C-alpha atoms as a PDB file:
ATOM      1  CA  MET A   1       0.000   0.000   0.000  1.00  0.00           C
ATOM      2  CA  SER A   2       1.373   3.431  -0.935  1.00  0.00           C
ATOM      3  CA  TRP A   3       2.009   6.139   1.648  1.00  0.00           C
ATOM      4  CA  THR A   4      -0.607   8.309  -0.018  1.00  0.00           C
ATOM      5  CA  ARG A   5      -3.317   5.702   0.368  1.00  0.00           C
ATOM      6  CA  LEU A   6      -2.249   4.968   3.950  1.00  0.00           C
ATOM      7  CA  LEU A   7      -2.369   8.658   4.905  1.00  0.00           C
ATOM      8  CA  ASP A   8      -5.730   9.001   3.190  1.00  0.00           C
ATOM      9  CA  ARG A   9      -7.122   6.067   5.201  1.00  0.00           C
ATOM     10  CA  LEU A  10      -5.770   7.476   8.476  1.00  0.00           C
ATOM     11  CA  LEU A  11      -7.252  10.878   7.677  1.00  0.00           C
ATOM     12  CA  ARG A  12     -10.641   9.300   7.018  1.00  0.00           C
ATOM     13  CA  LYS A  13     -10.514   7.518  10.392  1.00  0.00           C
ATOM     14  CA  VAL A  14      -9.647  10.737  12.200  1.00  0.00           C
ATOM     15  CA  LEU A  15     -12.473  12.627  10.485  1.00  0.00           C
ATOM     16  CA  ALA A  16     -14.947   9.844  11.267  1.00  0.00           C
ATOM     17  CA  ALA A  17     -13.876   9.836  14.916  1.00  0.00           C
ATOM     18  CA  ASN A  18     -14.276  13.613  15.098  1.00  0.00           C
ATOM     19  CA  ARG A  19     -17.767  13.411  13.571  1.00  0.00           C
ATOM     20  CA  LYS A  20     -18.750  10.712  16.071  1.00  0.00           C
ATOM     21  CA  ALA A  21     -17.398  12.744  18.982  1.00  0.00           C
ATOM     22  CA  SER A  22     -19.191  15.905  17.873  1.00  0.00           C
ATOM     23  CA  ALA A  23     -22.428  13.981  17.382  1.00  0.00           C
ATOM     24  CA  THR A  24     -22.421  12.791  21.005  1.00  0.00           C
ATOM     25  CA  ALA A  25     -20.948  15.870  22.616  1.00  0.00           C
ATOM     26  CA  SER A  26     -23.161  17.493  25.211  1.00  0.00           C
ATOM     27  CA  THR A  27     -24.027  21.171  25.039  1.00  0.00           C
ATOM     28  CA  ASP A  28     -25.091  23.668  27.681  1.00  0.00           C
ATOM     29  CA  ALA A  29     -28.578  23.755  26.167  1.00  0.00           C
ATOM     30  CA  PHE A  30     -28.889  19.980  26.273  1.00  0.00           C
ATOM     31  CA  ASP A  31     -27.581  19.886  29.839  1.00  0.00           C
ATOM     32  CA  ARG A  32     -30.380  22.271  30.840  1.00  0.00           C
ATOM     33  CA  LEU A  33     -32.927  20.046  29.083  1.00  0.00           C
ATOM     34  CA  LYS A  34     -31.465  16.947  30.734  1.00  0.00           C
ATOM     35  CA  ALA A  35     -31.698  18.610  34.154  1.00  0.00           C
ATOM     36  CA  ILE A  36     -35.447  19.077  33.632  1.00  0.00           C
ATOM     37  CA  ALA A  37     -35.833  15.479  32.415  1.00  0.00           C
ATOM     38  CA  ASP A  38     -34.020  14.245  35.535  1.00  0.00           C
ATOM     39  CA  GLU A  39     -36.833  15.709  37.655  1.00  0.00           C
ATOM     40  CA  GLY A  40     -39.245  13.179  36.134  1.00  0.00           C
ATOM     41  CA  ILE A  41     -41.563  12.900  33.186  1.00  0.00           C
ATOM     42  CA  MET A  42     -44.303  15.097  34.656  1.00  0.00           C
ATOM     43  CA  PRO A  43     -42.016  18.110  35.264  1.00  0.00           C
ATOM     44  CA  PHE A  44     -40.523  17.439  31.814  1.00  0.00           C
ATOM     45  CA  CYS A  45     -43.959  17.770  30.169  1.00  0.00           C
ATOM     46  CA  GLU A  46     -44.790  20.900  32.128  1.00  0.00           C
ATOM     47  CA  LYS A  47     -41.447  22.736  32.102  1.00  0.00           C
ATOM     48  CA  ALA A  48     -39.885  21.546  28.831  1.00  0.00           C
ATOM     49  CA  LEU A  49     -42.851  20.710  26.593  1.00  0.00           C
ATOM     50  CA  GLY A  50     -45.263  23.326  27.883  1.00  0.00           C
ATOM     51  CA  PHE A  51     -48.345  21.268  28.749  1.00  0.00           C
ATOM     52  CA  THR A  52     -49.909  19.838  31.882  1.00  0.00           C
ATOM     53  CA  PRO A  53     -50.996  16.210  31.357  1.00  0.00           C
ATOM     54  CA  THR A  54     -54.585  15.265  32.125  1.00  0.00           C
ATOM     55  CA  ASP A  55     -55.273  12.646  34.795  1.00  0.00           C
ATOM     56  CA  TYR A  56     -55.484   9.793  32.295  1.00  0.00           C
ATOM     57  CA  GLN A  57     -52.412  11.033  30.413  1.00  0.00           C
ATOM     58  CA  ALA A  58     -50.502  11.218  33.708  1.00  0.00           C
ATOM     59  CA  LYS A  59     -51.512   7.643  34.541  1.00  0.00           C
ATOM     60  CA  PHE A  60     -50.029   6.501  31.232  1.00  0.00           C
ATOM     61  CA  LEU A  61     -46.910   8.668  31.488  1.00  0.00           C
ATOM     62  CA  LEU A  62     -46.122   7.464  35.022  1.00  0.00           C
ATOM     63  CA  ASP A  63     -46.610   3.791  34.165  1.00  0.00           C
ATOM     64  CA  THR A  64     -43.170   2.151  34.353  1.00  0.00           C
ATOM     65  CA  ARG A  65     -44.151  -1.244  32.970  1.00  0.00           C
ATOM     66  CA  GLN A  66     -42.071  -2.504  30.049  1.00  0.00           C
ATOM     67  CA  PHE A  67     -45.094  -3.044  27.787  1.00  0.00           C
ATOM     68  CA  GLU A  68     -47.997  -0.611  27.516  1.00  0.00           C
ATOM     69  CA  ALA A  69     -51.127  -0.424  25.360  1.00  0.00           C
ATOM     70  CA  GLN A  70     -53.188   2.741  24.832  1.00  0.00           C
ATOM     71  CA  CYS A  71     -56.710   2.174  23.493  1.00  0.00           C
ATOM     72  CA  TRP A  72     -57.863   5.792  23.302  1.00  0.00           C
ATOM     73  CA  CYS A  73     -60.640   7.551  21.446  1.00  0.00           C
ATOM     74  CA  ARG A  74     -60.035  10.159  18.778  1.00  0.00           C
ATOM     75  CA  GLN A  75     -58.832  13.614  19.851  1.00  0.00           C
ATOM     76  CA  SER A  76     -57.759  12.316  23.278  1.00  0.00           C
ATOM     77  CA  GLY A  77     -54.043  13.016  22.822  1.00  0.00           C
ATOM     78  CA  LYS A  78     -52.705   9.463  22.590  1.00  0.00           C
ATOM     79  CA  ASP A  79     -49.887  10.244  20.119  1.00  0.00           C
ATOM     80  CA  TYR A  80     -49.181  13.540  21.882  1.00  0.00           C
ATOM     81  CA  SER A  81     -48.610  11.803  25.215  1.00  0.00           C
ATOM     82  CA  ALA A  82     -46.774   8.836  23.657  1.00  0.00           C
ATOM     83  CA  SER A  83     -44.473  11.197  21.724  1.00  0.00           C
ATOM     84  CA  SER A  84     -43.770  13.092  24.956  1.00  0.00           C
ATOM     85  CA  LYS A  85     -42.798   9.873  26.727  1.00  0.00           C
ATOM     86  CA  LEU A  86     -40.605   8.727  23.842  1.00  0.00           C
ATOM     87  CA  PHE A  87     -38.820  12.096  23.705  1.00  0.00           C
ATOM     88  CA  TRP A  88     -38.272  12.013  27.479  1.00  0.00           C
ATOM     89  CA  PHE A  89     -36.683   8.560  27.216  1.00  0.00           C
ATOM     90  CA  ALA A  90     -34.344   9.833  24.482  1.00  0.00           C
ATOM     91  CA  VAL A  91     -33.225  12.839  26.554  1.00  0.00           C
ATOM     92  CA  GLU A  92     -32.699  10.705  29.644  1.00  0.00           C
ATOM     93  CA  ASN A  93     -30.732   7.868  28.036  1.00  0.00           C
ATOM     94  CA  GLU A  94     -27.459   8.639  26.282  1.00  0.00           C
ATOM     95  CA  GLY A  95     -27.092   6.718  23.033  1.00  0.00           C
ATOM     96  CA  GLY A  96     -30.594   5.228  23.213  1.00  0.00           C
ATOM     97  CA  GLN A  97     -32.028   3.962  19.931  1.00  0.00           C
ATOM     98  CA  TYR A  98     -35.805   4.229  19.482  1.00  0.00           C
ATOM     99  CA  ALA A  99     -38.194   3.412  16.644  1.00  0.00           C
ATOM    100  CA  VAL A 100     -41.649   4.505  15.575  1.00  0.00           C
ATOM    101  CA  VAL A 101     -43.692   2.058  13.481  1.00  0.00           C
ATOM    102  CA  GLY A 102     -47.224   2.365  12.128  1.00  0.00           C
ATOM    103  CA  PRO A 103     -49.526   1.152   9.363  1.00  0.00           C
ATOM    104  CA  SER A 104     -47.423   3.218   6.929  1.00  0.00           C
ATOM    105  CA  LEU A 105     -44.217   5.218   6.950  1.00  0.00           C
ATOM    106  CA  ARG A 106     -46.317   8.374   6.625  1.00  0.00           C
ATOM    107  CA  GLN A 107     -48.011   7.680   9.957  1.00  0.00           C
ATOM    108  CA  SER A 108     -44.684   6.901  11.604  1.00  0.00           C
ATOM    109  CA  LYS A 109     -43.356  10.242  10.380  1.00  0.00           C
ATOM    110  CA  LEU A 110     -46.330  12.030  11.968  1.00  0.00           C
ATOM    111  CA  VAL A 111     -44.928  11.086  15.383  1.00  0.00           C
ATOM    112  CA  ILE A 112     -41.532  12.485  14.385  1.00  0.00           C
ATOM    113  CA  ARG A 113     -43.356  15.662  13.336  1.00  0.00           C
ATOM    114  CA  LYS A 114     -44.957  15.917  16.787  1.00  0.00           C
ATOM    115  CA  ILE A 115     -41.579  15.540  18.499  1.00  0.00           C
ATOM    116  CA  ASN A 116     -40.081  18.135  16.144  1.00  0.00           C
ATOM    117  CA  ASN A 117     -42.923  20.468  17.098  1.00  0.00           C
ATOM    118  CA  PHE A 118     -41.980  20.026  20.761  1.00  0.00           C
ATOM    119  CA  ILE A 119     -38.367  20.785  19.926  1.00  0.00           C
ATOM    120  CA  GLN A 120     -38.974  23.788  17.693  1.00  0.00           C
ATOM    121  CA  ASN A 121     -41.937  25.447  19.400  1.00  0.00           C
ATOM    122  CA  LYS A 122     -42.308  24.258  22.990  1.00  0.00           C
ATOM    123  CA  LEU A 123     -38.863  24.261  24.610  1.00  0.00           C
ATOM    124  CA  PRO A 124     -38.004  27.156  26.961  1.00  0.00           C
ATOM    125  CA  LYS A 125     -36.202  30.111  25.392  1.00  0.00           C
ATOM    126  CA  GLU A 126     -33.003  29.298  27.300  1.00  0.00           C
ATOM    127  CA  ILE A 127     -32.840  25.967  25.417  1.00  0.00           C
ATOM    128  CA  PRO A 128     -32.213  26.817  21.728  1.00  0.00           C
ATOM    129  CA  TYR A 129     -33.384  23.755  19.833  1.00  0.00           C
ATOM    130  CA  ALA A 130     -30.506  23.822  17.331  1.00  0.00           C
ATOM    131  CA  GLU A 131     -28.064  23.193  20.163  1.00  0.00           C
ATOM    132  CA  ILE A 132     -29.674  19.914  21.214  1.00  0.00           C
ATOM    133  CA  LEU A 133     -29.766  18.396  17.704  1.00  0.00           C
ATOM    134  CA  VAL A 134     -27.046  16.757  15.654  1.00  0.00           C
ATOM    135  CA  GLY A 135     -26.589  18.945  12.596  1.00  0.00           C
ATOM    136  CA  ARG A 136     -28.520  21.738  14.355  1.00  0.00           C
ATOM    137  CA  LYS A 137     -31.721  21.085  12.401  1.00  0.00           C
ATOM    138  CA  THR A 138     -34.816  18.885  12.495  1.00  0.00           C
ATOM    139  CA  LEU A 139     -35.287  16.007  10.060  1.00  0.00           C
ATOM    140  CA  ARG A 140     -38.427  14.437   8.614  1.00  0.00           C
ATOM    141  CA  THR A 141     -37.713  10.802   9.470  1.00  0.00           C
ATOM    142  CA  LYS A 142     -35.645  10.944  12.668  1.00  0.00           C
ATOM    143  CA  VAL A 143     -34.677  12.971  15.697  1.00  0.00           C
ATOM    144  CA  ALA A 144     -30.943  12.830  16.456  1.00  0.00           C
ATOM    145  CA  LEU A 145     -29.937  14.359  19.784  1.00  0.00           C
ATOM    146  CA  VAL A 146     -26.415  15.437  20.776  1.00  0.00           C
ATOM    147  CA  ASN A 147     -26.349  12.778  23.512  1.00  0.00           C
ATOM    148  CA  GLY A 148     -26.309  10.134  20.783  1.00  0.00           C
ATOM    149  CA  ALA A 149     -29.969   9.148  21.209  1.00  0.00           C
ATOM    150  CA  VAL A 150     -31.975   8.678  18.006  1.00  0.00           C
ATOM    151  CA  ILE A 151     -35.725   8.344  17.395  1.00  0.00           C
ATOM    152  CA  GLU A 152     -36.402   7.104  13.862  1.00  0.00           C
ATOM    153  CA  ALA A 153     -39.524   6.416  11.809  1.00  0.00           C
ATOM    154  CA  TYR A 154     -39.628   2.956  10.223  1.00  0.00           C
ATOM    155  CA  PRO A 155     -41.910   1.538   7.519  1.00  0.00           C
ATOM    156  CA  CYS A 156     -44.444  -1.147   8.410  1.00  0.00           C
ATOM    157  CA  ASN A 157     -42.169  -4.065   7.643  1.00  0.00           C
ATOM    158  CA  PRO A 158     -41.093  -6.708  10.198  1.00  0.00           C
ATOM    159  CA  ASP A 159     -37.753  -7.175   8.420  1.00  0.00           C
ATOM    160  CA  THR A 160     -36.741  -3.531   8.958  1.00  0.00           C
ATOM    161  CA  ILE A 161     -37.497  -3.768  12.702  1.00  0.00           C
ATOM    162  CA  ARG A 162     -35.811  -7.138  13.136  1.00  0.00           C
ATOM    163  CA  GLY A 163     -32.420  -5.804  12.030  1.00  0.00           C
ATOM    164  CA  PRO A 164     -31.491  -2.929  14.385  1.00  0.00           C
ATOM    165  CA  THR A 165     -30.940  -3.165  18.138  1.00  0.00           C
ATOM    166  CA  LEU A 166     -33.474  -0.880  19.780  1.00  0.00           C
ATOM    167  CA  ASN A 167     -34.119   0.358  23.314  1.00  0.00           C
ATOM    168  CA  GLY A 168     -37.763   1.183  22.747  1.00  0.00           C
ATOM    169  CA  ILE A 169     -40.525   1.122  20.140  1.00  0.00           C
ATOM    170  CA  LEU A 170     -43.681   3.179  19.747  1.00  0.00           C
ATOM    171  CA  ALA A 171     -46.201   1.318  17.570  1.00  0.00           C
ATOM    172  CA  THR A 172     -48.759   3.935  16.555  1.00  0.00           C
ATOM    173  CA  GLU A 173     -52.274   2.980  15.335  1.00  0.00           C
ATOM    174  CA  PHE A 174     -51.175  -0.599  15.888  1.00  0.00           C
ATOM    175  CA  ASN A 175     -54.635  -2.133  15.439  1.00  0.00           C
ATOM    176  CA  PHE A 176     -54.419  -1.075  11.769  1.00  0.00           C
ATOM    177  CA  VAL A 177     -51.020  -2.707  11.152  1.00  0.00           C
ATOM    178  CA  LYS A 178     -51.185  -5.724   8.858  1.00  0.00           C
ATOM    179  CA  ASP A 179     -49.113  -8.864   9.535  1.00  0.00           C
ATOM    180  CA  ASP A 180     -49.509  -8.004  13.216  1.00  0.00           C
ATOM    181  CA  GLU A 181     -48.274 -11.323  14.630  1.00  0.00           C
ATOM    182  CA  GLU A 182     -45.105 -11.207  12.547  1.00  0.00           C
ATOM    183  CA  MET A 183     -44.536  -7.559  13.427  1.00  0.00           C
ATOM    184  CA  TYR A 184     -44.961  -8.269  17.136  1.00  0.00           C
ATOM    185  CA  ASP A 185     -42.518 -11.185  16.956  1.00  0.00           C
ATOM    186  CA  ALA A 186     -39.980  -8.929  15.229  1.00  0.00           C
ATOM    187  CA  ILE A 187     -40.439  -6.282  17.937  1.00  0.00           C
ATOM    188  CA  LEU A 188     -39.850  -8.825  20.715  1.00  0.00           C
ATOM    189  CA  PHE A 189     -36.641 -10.114  19.120  1.00  0.00           C
ATOM    190  CA  THR A 190     -35.408  -6.553  18.549  1.00  0.00           C
ATOM    191  CA  LEU A 191     -35.970  -5.600  22.186  1.00  0.00           C
ATOM    192  CA  GLY A 192     -34.697  -8.920  23.515  1.00  0.00           C
ATOM    193  CA  THR A 193     -31.037  -7.918  23.843  1.00  0.00           C
ATOM    194  CA  THR A 194     -31.714  -4.468  25.346  1.00  0.00           C
ATOM    195  CA  ASN A 195     -34.667  -5.311  27.607  1.00  0.00           C
ATOM    196  CA  GLY A 196     -36.342  -2.351  25.894  1.00  0.00           C
ATOM    197  CA  PHE A 197     -39.918  -1.112  26.096  1.00  0.00           C
ATOM    198  CA  LEU A 198     -42.943  -1.188  23.793  1.00  0.00           C
ATOM    199  CA  ILE A 199     -45.774   1.342  23.638  1.00  0.00           C
ATOM    200  CA  ALA A 200     -48.627   0.240  21.347  1.00  0.00           C
ATOM    201  CA  ASN A 201     -51.515   2.630  20.805  1.00  0.00           C
ATOM    202  CA  SER A 202     -54.592   2.742  18.602  1.00  0.00           C
ATOM    203  CA  THR A 203     -58.276   3.344  18.345  1.00  0.00           C
ATOM    204  CA  PRO A 204     -60.127   0.011  18.063  1.00  0.00           C
ATOM    205  CA  TRP A 205     -60.540  -1.638  14.688  1.00  0.00           C
ATOM    206  CA  SER A 206     -60.477  -5.437  14.387  1.00  0.00           C
ATOM    207  CA  ARG A 207     -60.803  -8.037  17.155  1.00  0.00           C
ATOM    208  CA  ASP A 208     -58.815 -10.448  15.001  1.00  0.00           C
ATOM    209  CA  HIS A 209     -55.584  -8.632  15.852  1.00  0.00           C
ATOM    210  CA  ILE A 210     -52.846  -8.773  18.455  1.00  0.00           C
ATOM    211  CA  PHE A 211     -53.671  -5.262  19.683  1.00  0.00           C
ATOM    212  CA  TYR A 212     -57.056  -6.590  20.830  1.00  0.00           C
ATOM    213  CA  LYS A 213     -55.207  -9.293  22.763  1.00  0.00           C
ATOM    214  CA  MET A 214     -52.937  -6.690  24.358  1.00  0.00           C
ATOM    215  CA  MET A 215     -56.013  -4.985  25.797  1.00  0.00           C
ATOM    216  CA  LYS A 216     -58.216  -8.011  26.538  1.00  0.00           C
ATOM    217  CA  ASP A 217     -56.375 -11.345  26.580  1.00  0.00           C
ATOM    218  CA  LYS A 218     -55.162 -13.009  29.792  1.00  0.00           C
ATOM    219  CA  ASP A 219     -51.884 -13.969  28.100  1.00  0.00           C
ATOM    220  CA  PHE A 220     -51.070 -10.253  27.812  1.00  0.00           C
ATOM    221  CA  GLU A 221     -51.837  -9.251  31.405  1.00  0.00           C
ATOM    222  CA  ASP A 222     -48.267  -8.005  31.836  1.00  0.00           C
ATOM    223  CA  PHE A 223     -49.226  -5.053  29.600  1.00  0.00           C
ATOM    224  CA  GLY A 224     -50.075  -1.753  31.211  1.00  0.00           C
ATOM    225  CA  ARG A 225     -53.568  -1.230  29.771  1.00  0.00           C
ATOM    226  CA  HIS A 226     -54.847   2.309  29.338  1.00  0.00           C
ATOM    227  CA  PRO A 227     -58.388   2.600  27.877  1.00  0.00           C
ATOM    228  CA  VAL A 228     -59.801   6.114  27.377  1.00  0.00           C
ATOM    229  CA  ASN A 229     -63.212   7.046  25.928  1.00  0.00           C
ATOM    230  CA  TRP A 230     -64.789  10.373  25.013  1.00  0.00           C
ATOM    231  CA  GLN A 231     -66.230  10.956  28.499  1.00  0.00           C
ATOM    232  CA  GLN A 232     -62.728  10.909  29.990  1.00  0.00           C
ATOM    233  CA  ALA A 233     -61.257  13.055  27.205  1.00  0.00           C
ATOM    234  CA  LEU A 234     -63.962  15.729  27.172  1.00  0.00           C
ATOM    235  CA  GLU A 235     -63.009  19.184  28.407  1.00  0.00           C
ATOM    236  CA  PRO A 236     -62.167  20.243  31.100  1.00  0.00           C
ATOM    237  CA  LYS A 237     -60.824  16.757  31.924  1.00  0.00           C
ATOM    238  CA  GLY A 238     -59.209  16.343  28.490  1.00  0.00           C
ATOM    239  CA  PRO A 239     -58.483  18.099  25.188  1.00  0.00           C
ATOM    240  CA  LEU A 240     -61.701  17.085  23.375  1.00  0.00           C
ATOM    241  CA  LYS A 241     -63.861  20.160  22.784  1.00  0.00           C
ATOM    242  CA  LYS A 242     -67.636  19.952  23.355  1.00  0.00           C
ATOM    243  CA  ASN A 243     -68.497  21.665  20.072  1.00  0.00           C
ATOM    244  CA  VAL A 244     -66.242  19.276  18.152  1.00  0.00           C
ATOM    245  CA  LEU A 245     -67.804  16.297  19.935  1.00  0.00           C
ATOM    246  CA  GLU A 246     -71.286  17.428  18.905  1.00  0.00           C
ATOM    247  CA  LYS A 247     -70.196  17.676  15.264  1.00  0.00           C
ATOM    248  CA  ILE A 248     -68.614  14.225  15.363  1.00  0.00           C
ATOM    249  CA  LYS A 249     -71.719  12.752  16.996  1.00  0.00           C
ATOM    250  CA  LYS A 250     -73.963  14.271  14.329  1.00  0.00           C
ATOM    251  CA  GLN A 251     -71.746  13.092  11.467  1.00  0.00           C
ATOM    252  CA  LEU A 252     -71.615   9.532  12.825  1.00  0.00           C
ATOM    253  CA  ALA A 253     -75.317   9.300  13.675  1.00  0.00           C
ATOM    254  CA  ALA A 254     -75.879   6.902  10.766  1.00  0.00           C
ATOM    255  CA  ASP A 255     -72.833   4.815  11.672  1.00  0.00           C
ATOM    256  CA  PRO A 256     -73.173   3.767  15.353  1.00  0.00           C
ATOM    257  CA  TRP A 257     -70.475   1.117  14.974  1.00  0.00           C
ATOM    258  CA  ARG A 258     -67.914   3.734  13.992  1.00  0.00           C
ATOM    259  CA  TRP A 259     -68.977   5.966  16.899  1.00  0.00           C
ATOM    260  CA  GLN A 260     -68.470   3.042  19.257  1.00  0.00           C
ATOM    261  CA  ARG A 261     -65.009   2.312  17.890  1.00  0.00           C
ATOM    262  CA  GLU A 262     -63.664   5.837  17.509  1.00  0.00           C
ATOM    263  CA  MET A 263     -65.304   7.645  20.439  1.00  0.00           C
ATOM    264  CA  GLU A 264     -66.341   4.956  22.920  1.00  0.00           C
ATOM    265  CA  ALA A 265     -62.996   3.180  22.270  1.00  0.00           C
ATOM    266  CA  GLU A 266     -64.757  -0.181  22.142  1.00  0.00           C
ATOM    267  CA  TRP A 267     -64.477  -2.859  19.480  1.00  0.00           C
ATOM    268  CA  SER A 268     -67.524  -3.243  17.252  1.00  0.00           C
ATOM    269  CA  GLU A 269     -68.151  -4.376  13.711  1.00  0.00           C
ATOM    270  CA  ASP A 270     -70.898  -3.305  11.342  1.00  0.00           C
ATOM    271  CA  ASP A 271     -72.908  -6.492  10.734  1.00  0.00           C
ATOM    272  CA  SER A 272     -74.150  -5.075   7.433  1.00  0.00           C
ATOM    273  CA  CYS A 273     -70.620  -4.739   6.014  1.00  0.00           C
ATOM    274  CA  TRP A 274     -69.831  -6.974   3.069  1.00  0.00           C
ATOM    275  CA  LEU A 275     -66.136  -7.324   3.986  1.00  0.00           C
ATOM    276  CA  PRO A 276     -64.950  -7.995   7.564  1.00  0.00           C
ATOM    277  CA  GLN A 277     -62.545  -5.487   9.106  1.00  0.00           C
ATOM    278  CA  SER A 278     -59.775  -8.063   9.505  1.00  0.00           C
ATOM    279  CA  LEU A 279     -59.827  -8.725   5.732  1.00  0.00           C
ATOM    280  CA  ILE A 280     -59.770  -4.992   4.963  1.00  0.00           C
ATOM    281  CA  GLY A 281     -56.735  -4.610   7.219  1.00  0.00           C
ATOM    282  CA  GLN A 282     -54.868  -7.360   5.363  1.00  0.00           C
ATOM    283  CA  CYS A 283     -55.303  -5.444   2.082  1.00  0.00           C
ATOM    284  CA  GLN A 284     -53.118  -2.572   3.241  1.00  0.00           C
ATOM    285  CA  ASP A 285     -49.813  -1.852   1.585  1.00  0.00           C
ATOM    286  CA  SER A 286     -47.507   0.233   3.778  1.00  0.00           C
ATOM    287  CA  ILE A 287     -45.480   1.352   0.751  1.00  0.00           C
ATOM    288  CA  LEU A 288     -48.451   3.113  -0.813  1.00  0.00           C
ATOM    289  CA  GLU A 289     -49.382   6.606   0.304  1.00  0.00           C
ATOM    290  CA  ILE A 290     -52.386   8.823  -0.430  1.00  0.00           C
ATOM    291  CA  ARG A 291     -51.250  11.951  -2.227  1.00  0.00           C
ATOM    292  CA  VAL A 292     -53.648  14.840  -2.845  1.00  0.00           C
ATOM    293  CA  ILE A 293     -53.400  15.789  -6.505  1.00  0.00           C
ATOM    294  CA  ASP A 294     -55.953  18.601  -6.446  1.00  0.00           C
ATOM    295  CA  LYS A 295     -58.819  19.762  -4.254  1.00  0.00           C
ATOM    296  CA  ARG A 296     -61.292  17.292  -5.726  1.00  0.00           C
ATOM    297  CA  HIS A 297     -59.269  14.175  -6.384  1.00  0.00           C
ATOM    298  CA  SER A 298     -56.652  12.023  -4.678  1.00  0.00           C
ATOM    299  CA  PHE A 299     -55.365   8.529  -5.400  1.00  0.00           C
ATOM    300  CA  TRP A 300     -52.794   5.950  -4.318  1.00  0.00           C
ATOM    301  CA  VAL A 301     -49.237   6.282  -5.533  1.00  0.00           C
ATOM    302  CA  VAL A 302     -45.996   4.513  -4.713  1.00  0.00           C
ATOM    303  CA  ASN A 303     -43.948   6.402  -2.120  1.00  0.00           C
END
């Protein structure tokens, strides 16, 4: 090997080491954020993220069990609270690796968007968000903190989850994920070497799904189960507005089964439906995304 090639290789190693060191180097801003996180998740939500959790959100946030399931109605703040908890874990644990999975990559990225909103718009003024992020900017598919922790959105594919070693997974709208048994097996193997945590949340859809078992089956009693319906989420106890609830109730008057699923947070199936919900769920393709082409039309395209 020539001296030129040897020097070039050594230079590359030095540059790579410097990039790695800078990516995990703490900053004063991050140290201030970490100090708040050290006080606990409730002070973190209030002082760092700018919101006071409701009673049912607090019950979920303070649950320390390794596996948790949130069966919450619409507009109850399930992703908001789950994103808060995931972000808190990332701040608290240096080098932690976390994943978000959902029925599609688009839905996984919505959680990243919520965390980015916390970072950009909710942190105290004395914590400039650029100083807590690697590269000093937010990204669409992952959150990379200067303590080496990463939260990344993954597509709905068991093979992509089975590969990395992860410290925690948030499975959003999990009752709508197809190949649920295979996905759950992949999650367990991924968390097996780190003793990591799983948060699975969803509104109800199909009983023929592992999320239903997480909430109802005796074999899953080790799960922290957190059911929330519209009565619990209605203001002033929760974020659901009374005027919005009235509109939803009126719109769903002809579809009581949907009202029961989405607002009562209970499983139900329309007996008049031609296709069962479990079959509809198996027809999903996580690669496909709905793109709005104009104000009147939209259709499926490959992402």
